[in-house]
Amino acid sequence: MVKLVRLLVACSLAGVLAACGGVSSPSNQAAETFSGTLDPQSQAFQNFSVGKTGELQMTLQSLDPRPVVGFLSLSIGTASGGGCSPILGYMITQAAIGTQYAFPRIVKGSYCVLIADSNAILKTPVAWTLRLSHP
């Protein structure tokens, strides 16, 4: 009887650990670099996929020409009607170049990264580069 109880406990523990095993640590992240052009008072987005649950980091690496004053907005969202709808809690309204922004958890699925001139700072189109690290 004791052996049966131990076996059931071991099987239960293995099942619980297997269910939790989908979380990816930062050292196992996939890195993607996105780039494009952003016009004044507009937005641009790129789609990407997440293979498992884990942490997400996003860095605006460059803008050329660099605005003298102000910030662009960055968001993680979901594809919607030919666009990208930001997810609440995954938005940076004043993204500084070179600053890494971390989000604690993203689940397996399809997403998009959105860059926008929502603060109307751009006077001319800019070339942008963004780095995304995700599971």
C-alpha atoms as a PDB file:
ATOM      1  CA  MET A   1       0.000   0.000   0.000  1.00  0.00           C
ATOM      2  CA  VAL A   2       2.839   2.416   0.857  1.00  0.00           C
ATOM      3  CA  LYS A   3       4.489   1.723  -2.522  1.00  0.00           C
ATOM      4  CA  LEU A   4       1.215   2.502  -4.309  1.00  0.00           C
ATOM      5  CA  VAL A   5       0.864   5.820  -2.451  1.00  0.00           C
ATOM      6  CA  ARG A   6       4.473   6.765  -3.316  1.00  0.00           C
ATOM      7  CA  LEU A   7       3.867   5.857  -6.959  1.00  0.00           C
ATOM      8  CA  LEU A   8       0.703   7.995  -7.071  1.00  0.00           C
ATOM      9  CA  VAL A   9       2.491  10.937  -5.441  1.00  0.00           C
ATOM     10  CA  ALA A  10       5.411  10.615  -7.874  1.00  0.00           C
ATOM     11  CA  CYS A  11       3.053  10.480 -10.874  1.00  0.00           C
ATOM     12  CA  SER A  12       1.083  13.481  -9.620  1.00  0.00           C
ATOM     13  CA  LEU A  13       4.262  15.483  -9.082  1.00  0.00           C
ATOM     14  CA  ALA A  14       5.535  14.564 -12.542  1.00  0.00           C
ATOM     15  CA  GLY A  15       2.247  15.698 -14.077  1.00  0.00           C
ATOM     16  CA  VAL A  16       2.350  19.041 -12.263  1.00  0.00           C
ATOM     17  CA  LEU A  17       5.961  19.666 -13.288  1.00  0.00           C
ATOM     18  CA  ALA A  18       5.214  18.759 -16.902  1.00  0.00           C
ATOM     19  CA  ALA A  19       2.374  21.282 -16.974  1.00  0.00           C
ATOM     20  CA  CYS A  20       4.723  23.971 -15.667  1.00  0.00           C
ATOM     21  CA  GLY A  21       7.555  22.977 -17.972  1.00  0.00           C
ATOM     22  CA  GLY A  22       6.443  25.337 -20.742  1.00  0.00           C
ATOM     23  CA  VAL A  23       8.070  28.425 -19.228  1.00  0.00           C
ATOM     24  CA  SER A  24      11.232  29.524 -20.981  1.00  0.00           C
ATOM     25  CA  SER A  25      14.077  31.196 -19.098  1.00  0.00           C
ATOM     26  CA  PRO A  26      15.730  34.358 -20.477  1.00  0.00           C
ATOM     27  CA  SER A  27      18.848  32.396 -21.442  1.00  0.00           C
ATOM     28  CA  ASN A  28      16.772  30.307 -23.899  1.00  0.00           C
ATOM     29  CA  GLN A  29      15.219  33.277 -25.697  1.00  0.00           C
ATOM     30  CA  ALA A  30      14.931  33.741 -29.444  1.00  0.00           C
ATOM     31  CA  ALA A  31      16.136  37.142 -30.633  1.00  0.00           C
ATOM     32  CA  GLU A  32      14.548  38.855 -33.610  1.00  0.00           C
ATOM     33  CA  THR A  33      15.396  42.194 -35.181  1.00  0.00           C
ATOM     34  CA  PHE A  34      12.713  44.165 -36.973  1.00  0.00           C
ATOM     35  CA  SER A  35      13.186  47.279 -39.070  1.00  0.00           C
ATOM     36  CA  GLY A  36      11.204  49.586 -41.280  1.00  0.00           C
ATOM     37  CA  THR A  37      10.230  53.161 -41.974  1.00  0.00           C
ATOM     38  CA  LEU A  38       7.812  55.225 -39.905  1.00  0.00           C
ATOM     39  CA  ASP A  39       6.073  58.306 -41.303  1.00  0.00           C
ATOM     40  CA  PRO A  40       5.063  61.264 -39.096  1.00  0.00           C
ATOM     41  CA  GLN A  41       1.896  60.604 -37.054  1.00  0.00           C
ATOM     42  CA  SER A  42       1.608  57.019 -38.305  1.00  0.00           C
ATOM     43  CA  GLN A  43       2.375  53.508 -37.098  1.00  0.00           C
ATOM     44  CA  ALA A  44       4.115  50.389 -38.396  1.00  0.00           C
ATOM     45  CA  PHE A  45       3.978  46.798 -37.216  1.00  0.00           C
ATOM     46  CA  GLN A  46       5.612  43.412 -37.766  1.00  0.00           C
ATOM     47  CA  ASN A  47       4.217  39.979 -36.869  1.00  0.00           C
ATOM     48  CA  PHE A  48       6.057  37.349 -34.819  1.00  0.00           C
ATOM     49  CA  SER A  49       5.302  34.060 -33.064  1.00  0.00           C
ATOM     50  CA  VAL A  50       6.073  32.899 -29.534  1.00  0.00           C
ATOM     51  CA  GLY A  51       6.808  29.175 -29.173  1.00  0.00           C
ATOM     52  CA  LYS A  52       6.245  28.860 -25.426  1.00  0.00           C
ATOM     53  CA  THR A  53       5.404  30.855 -22.320  1.00  0.00           C
ATOM     54  CA  GLY A  54       8.155  33.067 -20.948  1.00  0.00           C
ATOM     55  CA  GLU A  55       9.575  36.543 -20.556  1.00  0.00           C
ATOM     56  CA  LEU A  56       9.678  39.129 -23.338  1.00  0.00           C
ATOM     57  CA  GLN A  57      12.160  41.985 -23.789  1.00  0.00           C
ATOM     58  CA  MET A  58      11.957  44.789 -26.338  1.00  0.00           C
ATOM     59  CA  THR A  59      14.546  47.462 -27.252  1.00  0.00           C
ATOM     60  CA  LEU A  60      14.240  50.312 -29.732  1.00  0.00           C
ATOM     61  CA  GLN A  61      17.771  50.151 -31.130  1.00  0.00           C
ATOM     62  CA  SER A  62      17.860  53.036 -33.573  1.00  0.00           C
ATOM     63  CA  LEU A  63      16.008  55.866 -35.287  1.00  0.00           C
ATOM     64  CA  ASP A  64      17.467  57.669 -38.290  1.00  0.00           C
ATOM     65  CA  PRO A  65      17.231  60.621 -38.346  1.00  0.00           C
ATOM     66  CA  ARG A  66      16.922  60.786 -34.603  1.00  0.00           C
ATOM     67  CA  PRO A  67      14.255  63.229 -33.319  1.00  0.00           C
ATOM     68  CA  VAL A  68      15.583  66.183 -31.340  1.00  0.00           C
ATOM     69  CA  VAL A  69      12.804  66.009 -28.739  1.00  0.00           C
ATOM     70  CA  GLY A  70      10.193  63.425 -27.759  1.00  0.00           C
ATOM     71  CA  PHE A  71       9.517  59.713 -27.782  1.00  0.00           C
ATOM     72  CA  LEU A  72       7.839  57.092 -29.950  1.00  0.00           C
ATOM     73  CA  SER A  73       5.441  54.457 -28.604  1.00  0.00           C
ATOM     74  CA  LEU A  74       6.115  50.696 -28.635  1.00  0.00           C
ATOM     75  CA  SER A  75       3.555  47.959 -28.047  1.00  0.00           C
ATOM     76  CA  ILE A  76       3.061  44.233 -28.240  1.00  0.00           C
ATOM     77  CA  GLY A  77      -0.305  43.368 -29.716  1.00  0.00           C
ATOM     78  CA  THR A  78      -2.390  40.946 -31.683  1.00  0.00           C
ATOM     79  CA  ALA A  79      -3.134  41.078 -35.399  1.00  0.00           C
ATOM     80  CA  SER A  80      -6.517  42.618 -36.043  1.00  0.00           C
ATOM     81  CA  GLY A  81      -8.125  43.539 -39.361  1.00  0.00           C
ATOM     82  CA  GLY A  82      -4.874  44.173 -41.209  1.00  0.00           C
ATOM     83  CA  GLY A  83      -3.405  46.056 -38.247  1.00  0.00           C
ATOM     84  CA  CYS A  84      -2.027  45.481 -34.778  1.00  0.00           C
ATOM     85  CA  SER A  85      -4.130  45.994 -31.632  1.00  0.00           C
ATOM     86  CA  PRO A  86      -1.972  46.712 -28.550  1.00  0.00           C
ATOM     87  CA  ILE A  87      -2.392  44.484 -25.495  1.00  0.00           C
ATOM     88  CA  LEU A  88      -3.061  46.378 -22.267  1.00  0.00           C
ATOM     89  CA  GLY A  89       0.041  46.223 -20.075  1.00  0.00           C
ATOM     90  CA  TYR A  90       2.381  45.654 -23.038  1.00  0.00           C
ATOM     91  CA  MET A  91       2.706  49.310 -24.080  1.00  0.00           C
ATOM     92  CA  ILE A  92       5.544  51.792 -23.688  1.00  0.00           C
ATOM     93  CA  THR A  93       4.263  55.309 -24.406  1.00  0.00           C
ATOM     94  CA  GLN A  94       7.674  56.985 -24.187  1.00  0.00           C
ATOM     95  CA  ALA A  95      10.263  54.560 -25.553  1.00  0.00           C
ATOM     96  CA  ALA A  96      13.851  55.732 -25.289  1.00  0.00           C
ATOM     97  CA  ILE A  97      16.430  54.515 -27.798  1.00  0.00           C
ATOM     98  CA  GLY A  98      18.685  51.831 -26.312  1.00  0.00           C
ATOM     99  CA  THR A  99      16.502  51.108 -23.262  1.00  0.00           C
ATOM    100  CA  GLN A 100      15.397  47.506 -22.754  1.00  0.00           C
ATOM    101  CA  TYR A 101      11.782  47.063 -21.670  1.00  0.00           C
ATOM    102  CA  ALA A 102      10.838  43.751 -20.050  1.00  0.00           C
ATOM    103  CA  PHE A 103       7.440  42.125 -19.746  1.00  0.00           C
ATOM    104  CA  PRO A 104       7.097  39.304 -17.209  1.00  0.00           C
ATOM    105  CA  ARG A 105       5.002  36.811 -19.153  1.00  0.00           C
ATOM    106  CA  ILE A 106       3.828  36.134 -22.660  1.00  0.00           C
ATOM    107  CA  VAL A 107       2.104  32.914 -23.690  1.00  0.00           C
ATOM    108  CA  LYS A 108       2.555  30.813 -26.800  1.00  0.00           C
ATOM    109  CA  GLY A 109       0.830  32.373 -29.802  1.00  0.00           C
ATOM    110  CA  SER A 110       0.943  34.906 -32.634  1.00  0.00           C
ATOM    111  CA  TYR A 111       1.637  38.555 -31.889  1.00  0.00           C
ATOM    112  CA  CYS A 112       2.784  41.792 -33.490  1.00  0.00           C
ATOM    113  CA  VAL A 113       5.164  44.524 -32.422  1.00  0.00           C
ATOM    114  CA  LEU A 114       3.881  48.049 -33.055  1.00  0.00           C
ATOM    115  CA  ILE A 115       5.882  51.279 -33.306  1.00  0.00           C
ATOM    116  CA  ALA A 116       3.954  54.542 -33.497  1.00  0.00           C
ATOM    117  CA  ASP A 117       4.434  58.302 -33.605  1.00  0.00           C
ATOM    118  CA  SER A 118       1.536  58.716 -31.190  1.00  0.00           C
ATOM    119  CA  ASN A 119       3.162  61.792 -29.613  1.00  0.00           C
ATOM    120  CA  ALA A 120       3.451  63.552 -33.039  1.00  0.00           C
ATOM    121  CA  ILE A 121       7.192  64.226 -32.710  1.00  0.00           C
ATOM    122  CA  LEU A 122       8.352  63.248 -36.191  1.00  0.00           C
ATOM    123  CA  LYS A 123       8.791  65.911 -38.863  1.00  0.00           C
ATOM    124  CA  THR A 124      10.094  63.521 -41.548  1.00  0.00           C
ATOM    125  CA  PRO A 125      10.006  59.723 -42.056  1.00  0.00           C
ATOM    126  CA  VAL A 126      12.498  57.782 -39.918  1.00  0.00           C
ATOM    127  CA  ALA A 127      14.178  54.399 -40.347  1.00  0.00           C
ATOM    128  CA  TRP A 128      13.818  52.311 -37.198  1.00  0.00           C
ATOM    129  CA  THR A 129      15.306  49.112 -35.806  1.00  0.00           C
ATOM    130  CA  LEU A 130      13.834  47.186 -32.888  1.00  0.00           C
ATOM    131  CA  ARG A 131      15.136  44.057 -31.143  1.00  0.00           C
ATOM    132  CA  LEU A 132      12.744  41.585 -29.557  1.00  0.00           C
ATOM    133  CA  SER A 133      13.744  38.700 -27.310  1.00  0.00           C
ATOM    134  CA  HIS A 134      11.071  36.095 -26.551  1.00  0.00           C
ATOM    135  CA  PRO A 135      10.599  32.375 -25.828  1.00  0.00           C
END
